[in-house]
Amino acid sequence: MVDVSSPLTLTLILSIACAMMVKAECLNPPLPPAPTTSPTPMADVSSPTISPTPMNTIVQYLRLIPHPEGGFFREVYRSGSEPMTTKGQTDFATSRLVTTDRVGRRPDGDLRRNEMTSIYWMPVNASPKLGLSINLSTHAHYYHGGSPFQFLAFDPSTGTLHRSVLGPDLQAGQRPQVIIPGGWLKCGHIVDQGESGPGYTLLGEAVAPGFDFYDFEWVTGERLAAITTPEQEDILRPYLHAEALQDRRSFVEQTEELYKEA
């Protein structure tokens, strides 16, 4: 054992300890003193108020055309296909297809659909309602601008009626996207903001499997009454479309005329 009582030994131990303390201070220098002046205030990064884009400007720059459900639209994506070229029907010339169980929908009997489609849709105050309809594909609706838009969606498997408002005011319960599962009844309207409002809602709609007009149909009054309660029917009946009794093939043929303006 080391004799720590020896003066020489104590001197050696103190020298080693001091050397270690100096090394520690070099590796971990003390923090500088806290500033005595107030920190510089952060810059104001709040965005200025931006006026809504005029409706005619949106129609022009997004190259929108009249939509069969009212307002204006443009298809901007169809998996494996050039948008708008198939006039709202499936493009079978691509490998980007999924097989569905939708027997009897298309006249050619084909069960395949494009993987996904996406459109802009802009309902306007002149035609503010989305008529009551059913689409077999799930729709994701995205708010892009303008007035809020209220969706009513009825789940026939549970008999439940859902209300959702698509819009920017999160504190008021609005949401920037609304999902409507395939097979549900769907309708809606622009939330009226009076003369000071923009006069439109600009939405995005992603559809999977991709949209095909043969998977879409208007809901008739008879069908509505058969699957809803009297209270639900009273809420949804104002959204019945005038062409609800039209057969599916005639409706698809009429919609093809709209694409001539594209």
Protein backbone atom coordinates (compact mmCIF):
# COMPACT_ATOMS: atom_id res chain seq x y z
CA MET A 1 0.00 0.00 0.00
CA VAL A 2 1.09 3.64 -0.61
CA ASP A 3 2.06 5.58 2.50
CA VAL A 4 -0.15 8.69 2.16
CA SER A 5 1.32 10.14 5.33
CA SER A 6 4.56 10.87 3.49
CA PRO A 7 4.88 14.57 2.46
CA LEU A 8 6.31 13.54 -0.91
CA THR A 9 3.35 11.26 -1.61
CA LEU A 10 0.81 13.96 -0.67
CA THR A 11 2.51 16.47 -2.96
CA LEU A 12 2.39 13.97 -5.84
CA ILE A 13 -1.33 13.22 -5.32
CA LEU A 14 -2.24 16.95 -5.22
CA SER A 15 -0.27 17.58 -8.41
CA ILE A 16 -2.13 14.81 -10.26
CA ALA A 17 -5.54 16.07 -9.01
CA CYS A 18 -4.82 19.62 -10.15
CA ALA A 19 -3.76 18.39 -13.59
CA MET A 20 -7.00 16.44 -13.94
CA MET A 21 -9.10 19.47 -12.98
CA VAL A 22 -7.36 21.64 -15.57
CA LYS A 23 -7.99 19.00 -18.25
CA ALA A 24 -11.68 18.76 -17.31
CA GLU A 25 -12.11 22.52 -17.63
CA CYS A 26 -10.54 22.42 -21.10
CA LEU A 27 -12.90 19.66 -22.24
CA ASN A 28 -15.99 21.22 -20.65
CA PRO A 29 -15.49 24.98 -20.52
CA PRO A 30 -17.90 26.90 -18.31
CA LEU A 31 -21.01 28.35 -19.96
CA PRO A 32 -20.90 32.06 -20.75
CA PRO A 33 -22.91 34.33 -18.45
CA ALA A 34 -26.57 34.90 -19.35
CA PRO A 35 -27.18 38.03 -21.46
CA THR A 36 -28.29 41.05 -19.49
CA THR A 37 -30.21 42.59 -22.43
CA SER A 38 -33.67 41.53 -23.63
CA PRO A 39 -33.74 39.16 -26.64
CA THR A 40 -34.66 40.56 -30.04
CA PRO A 41 -38.42 40.17 -30.64
CA MET A 42 -39.48 37.65 -33.31
CA ALA A 43 -40.59 39.07 -36.63
CA ASP A 44 -44.32 39.11 -37.38
CA VAL A 45 -44.80 36.19 -39.79
CA SER A 46 -48.59 36.29 -39.88
CA SER A 47 -49.95 36.13 -43.42
CA PRO A 48 -51.85 39.10 -44.82
CA THR A 49 -55.51 38.65 -45.62
CA ILE A 50 -55.86 37.26 -49.14
CA SER A 51 -59.06 37.91 -51.07
CA PRO A 52 -60.71 34.86 -52.66
CA THR A 53 -59.75 34.25 -56.27
CA PRO A 54 -62.62 35.25 -58.58
CA MET A 55 -64.65 32.31 -59.85
CA ASN A 56 -64.06 33.11 -63.53
CA THR A 57 -60.29 33.17 -62.94
CA ILE A 58 -60.40 29.68 -61.42
CA VAL A 59 -62.46 28.35 -64.33
CA GLN A 60 -59.99 29.85 -66.80
CA TYR A 61 -56.71 28.80 -65.19
CA LEU A 62 -57.81 25.31 -64.14
CA ARG A 63 -59.61 24.82 -67.49
CA LEU A 64 -62.82 23.70 -65.80
CA ILE A 65 -65.88 22.59 -67.75
CA PRO A 66 -69.54 22.12 -66.66
CA HIS A 67 -70.09 19.18 -64.32
CA PRO A 68 -73.14 16.88 -64.65
CA GLU A 69 -73.77 17.26 -60.90
CA GLY A 70 -73.62 21.07 -61.13
CA GLY A 71 -70.84 23.63 -61.12
CA PHE A 72 -67.54 22.98 -62.92
CA PHE A 73 -64.83 20.31 -62.88
CA ARG A 74 -61.76 18.88 -64.52
CA GLU A 75 -60.19 15.44 -64.23
CA VAL A 76 -56.49 15.94 -63.44
CA TYR A 77 -55.38 12.35 -62.81
CA ARG A 78 -56.35 8.87 -63.96
CA SER A 79 -53.93 6.02 -63.19
CA GLY A 80 -51.97 5.09 -66.32
CA SER A 81 -54.06 7.34 -68.55
CA GLU A 82 -54.20 10.85 -69.97
CA PRO A 83 -56.82 12.73 -67.89
CA MET A 84 -60.12 13.64 -69.59
CA THR A 85 -59.49 11.43 -72.63
CA THR A 86 -61.78 8.57 -71.51
CA LYS A 87 -64.71 10.91 -70.73
CA GLY A 88 -65.21 9.72 -67.18
CA GLN A 89 -64.90 6.03 -67.92
CA THR A 90 -62.23 3.40 -67.30
CA ASP A 91 -59.17 3.31 -69.55
CA PHE A 92 -58.54 -0.38 -70.29
CA ALA A 93 -55.44 0.35 -72.41
CA THR A 94 -53.24 0.60 -69.32
CA SER A 95 -51.92 -1.92 -66.80
CA ARG A 96 -52.79 0.42 -63.89
CA LEU A 97 -56.07 -1.38 -63.20
CA VAL A 98 -57.73 -3.16 -60.28
CA THR A 99 -60.42 -5.83 -60.52
CA THR A 100 -63.68 -5.17 -58.68
CA ASP A 101 -66.83 -7.20 -57.97
CA ARG A 102 -69.11 -4.76 -59.84
CA VAL A 103 -71.05 -7.23 -61.93
CA GLY A 104 -73.61 -5.75 -64.29
CA ARG A 105 -72.49 -2.14 -64.06
CA ARG A 106 -70.80 -1.59 -67.42
CA PRO A 107 -72.49 -2.71 -70.67
CA ASP A 108 -69.30 -4.58 -71.64
CA GLY A 109 -69.30 -6.44 -68.31
CA ASP A 110 -65.70 -5.49 -67.53
CA LEU A 111 -64.97 -5.55 -63.79
CA ARG A 112 -61.68 -3.64 -64.03
CA ARG A 113 -61.24 0.00 -63.01
CA ASN A 114 -58.30 2.41 -63.01
CA GLU A 115 -56.52 2.40 -59.66
CA MET A 116 -57.40 5.99 -58.81
CA THR A 117 -58.69 9.22 -60.29
CA SER A 118 -58.65 12.82 -59.06
CA ILE A 119 -60.60 15.90 -60.09
CA TYR A 120 -61.18 19.53 -59.23
CA TRP A 121 -64.87 20.22 -58.58
CA MET A 122 -66.30 23.70 -58.06
CA PRO A 123 -69.98 24.01 -57.10
CA VAL A 124 -71.23 27.60 -57.43
CA ASN A 125 -74.04 29.64 -55.94
CA ALA A 126 -76.04 29.30 -59.16
CA SER A 127 -76.14 25.51 -58.55
CA PRO A 128 -75.12 25.16 -54.89
CA LYS A 129 -76.44 21.64 -54.24
CA LEU A 130 -74.88 18.25 -54.79
CA GLY A 131 -77.74 15.95 -55.73
CA LEU A 132 -78.39 12.75 -53.80
CA SER A 133 -76.39 9.96 -55.41
CA ILE A 134 -74.47 6.74 -54.83
CA ASN A 135 -71.01 5.91 -56.11
CA LEU A 136 -69.48 2.50 -55.56
CA SER A 137 -65.99 3.95 -55.05
CA THR A 138 -64.74 5.74 -51.95
CA HIS A 139 -64.31 9.50 -52.35
CA ALA A 140 -61.83 11.69 -50.45
CA HIS A 141 -62.86 15.36 -50.65
CA TYR A 142 -60.27 18.10 -50.04
CA TYR A 143 -60.95 21.77 -49.35
CA HIS A 144 -59.04 24.10 -51.69
CA GLY A 145 -60.83 27.42 -51.21
CA GLY A 146 -64.03 29.43 -51.26
CA SER A 147 -67.06 28.90 -49.03
CA PRO A 148 -67.39 25.87 -46.74
CA PHE A 149 -69.35 22.92 -48.11
CA GLN A 150 -71.63 20.68 -46.03
CA PHE A 151 -71.84 16.97 -46.87
CA LEU A 152 -74.66 14.65 -45.83
CA ALA A 153 -73.73 10.98 -46.06
CA PHE A 154 -76.03 8.05 -45.30
CA ASP A 155 -74.67 4.60 -44.47
CA PRO A 156 -77.29 2.07 -45.68
CA SER A 157 -75.66 -0.76 -43.72
CA THR A 158 -76.25 0.94 -40.35
CA GLY A 159 -78.99 3.45 -41.17
CA THR A 160 -76.80 6.29 -39.87
CA LEU A 161 -76.86 9.81 -41.32
CA HIS A 162 -73.57 11.74 -41.03
CA ARG A 163 -72.99 15.49 -41.38
CA SER A 164 -69.56 16.96 -42.19
CA VAL A 165 -68.50 20.46 -43.20
CA LEU A 166 -65.52 20.83 -45.49
CA GLY A 167 -63.77 24.13 -44.84
CA PRO A 168 -60.91 26.06 -43.20
CA ASP A 169 -62.47 26.97 -39.83
CA LEU A 170 -61.23 24.14 -37.61
CA GLN A 171 -62.46 25.81 -34.41
CA ALA A 172 -65.99 25.77 -35.84
CA GLY A 173 -65.76 22.04 -36.49
CA GLN A 174 -64.93 22.29 -40.19
CA ARG A 175 -62.35 19.91 -41.61
CA PRO A 176 -59.94 20.18 -44.60
CA GLN A 177 -60.94 16.73 -45.86
CA VAL A 178 -64.04 14.53 -45.74
CA ILE A 179 -64.13 10.83 -46.68
CA ILE A 180 -67.31 9.24 -48.10
CA PRO A 181 -67.06 5.42 -48.34
CA GLY A 182 -68.22 3.71 -51.51
CA GLY A 183 -71.86 2.63 -51.51
CA TRP A 184 -73.06 5.43 -49.20
CA LEU A 185 -75.70 7.95 -50.25
CA LYS A 186 -74.16 11.39 -50.62
CA CYS A 187 -75.40 14.93 -51.11
CA GLY A 188 -74.57 18.43 -49.89
CA HIS A 189 -74.57 22.16 -50.45
CA ILE A 190 -72.45 25.29 -50.28
CA VAL A 191 -72.66 26.96 -46.86
CA ASP A 192 -74.24 30.30 -47.76
CA GLN A 193 -72.04 33.27 -46.89
CA GLY A 194 -74.28 35.91 -48.45
CA GLU A 195 -73.25 38.52 -50.96
CA SER A 196 -69.87 38.92 -49.26
CA GLY A 197 -68.97 35.29 -49.93
CA PRO A 198 -66.89 34.10 -52.89
CA GLY A 199 -69.87 32.38 -54.55
CA TYR A 200 -68.22 28.99 -54.92
CA THR A 201 -66.36 26.16 -53.20
CA LEU A 202 -63.25 24.68 -54.79
CA LEU A 203 -62.77 21.03 -53.87
CA GLY A 204 -60.45 18.21 -54.82
CA GLU A 205 -61.83 14.68 -55.09
CA ALA A 206 -59.71 11.55 -55.10
CA VAL A 207 -61.64 8.38 -56.04
CA ALA A 208 -60.50 4.78 -55.55
CA PRO A 209 -61.01 2.57 -57.45
CA GLY A 210 -61.00 5.20 -60.15
CA PHE A 211 -64.20 6.95 -61.18
CA ASP A 212 -66.36 5.37 -63.86
CA PHE A 213 -69.76 6.89 -64.69
CA TYR A 214 -71.27 3.41 -64.75
CA ASP A 215 -70.54 3.11 -61.01
CA PHE A 216 -72.55 6.27 -60.32
CA GLU A 217 -76.31 6.70 -60.03
CA TRP A 218 -78.85 9.19 -58.76
CA VAL A 219 -81.04 8.08 -55.85
CA THR A 220 -84.78 7.95 -56.52
CA GLY A 221 -87.46 9.01 -54.06
CA GLU A 222 -88.75 5.45 -53.82
CA ARG A 223 -85.34 4.10 -52.94
CA LEU A 224 -84.77 6.83 -50.40
CA ALA A 225 -88.08 6.13 -48.63
CA ALA A 226 -87.33 2.41 -48.51
CA ILE A 227 -84.03 2.69 -46.60
CA THR A 228 -84.39 5.78 -44.37
CA THR A 229 -86.50 6.81 -41.40
CA PRO A 230 -89.16 9.50 -42.00
CA GLU A 231 -86.92 12.08 -40.29
CA GLN A 232 -83.92 11.15 -42.45
CA GLU A 233 -86.04 11.17 -45.58
CA ASP A 234 -87.23 14.71 -44.82
CA ILE A 235 -83.62 15.86 -44.55
CA LEU A 236 -82.43 14.15 -47.75
CA ARG A 237 -85.46 14.54 -50.02
CA PRO A 238 -84.65 18.18 -50.99
CA TYR A 239 -81.45 16.84 -52.59
CA LEU A 240 -83.20 14.44 -55.00
CA HIS A 241 -82.03 15.10 -58.55
CA ALA A 242 -84.48 15.76 -61.38
CA GLU A 243 -82.81 13.07 -63.52
CA ALA A 244 -82.94 10.37 -60.84
CA LEU A 245 -85.32 8.21 -62.88
CA GLN A 246 -83.10 8.30 -65.96
CA ASP A 247 -81.49 4.97 -66.87
CA ARG A 248 -77.74 4.73 -66.31
CA ARG A 249 -76.73 4.28 -69.95
CA SER A 250 -78.62 7.38 -71.13
CA PHE A 251 -77.04 9.42 -68.36
CA VAL A 252 -73.52 8.30 -69.31
CA GLU A 253 -74.13 9.11 -72.97
CA GLN A 254 -75.31 12.61 -72.05
CA THR A 255 -72.26 13.27 -69.86
CA GLU A 256 -69.94 12.41 -72.74
CA GLU A 257 -71.19 15.57 -74.51
CA LEU A 258 -69.70 17.72 -71.75
CA TYR A 259 -66.17 16.56 -72.56
CA LYS A 260 -66.34 18.16 -75.98
CA GLU A 261 -65.65 21.46 -74.20
CA ALA A 262 -62.45 20.15 -72.61
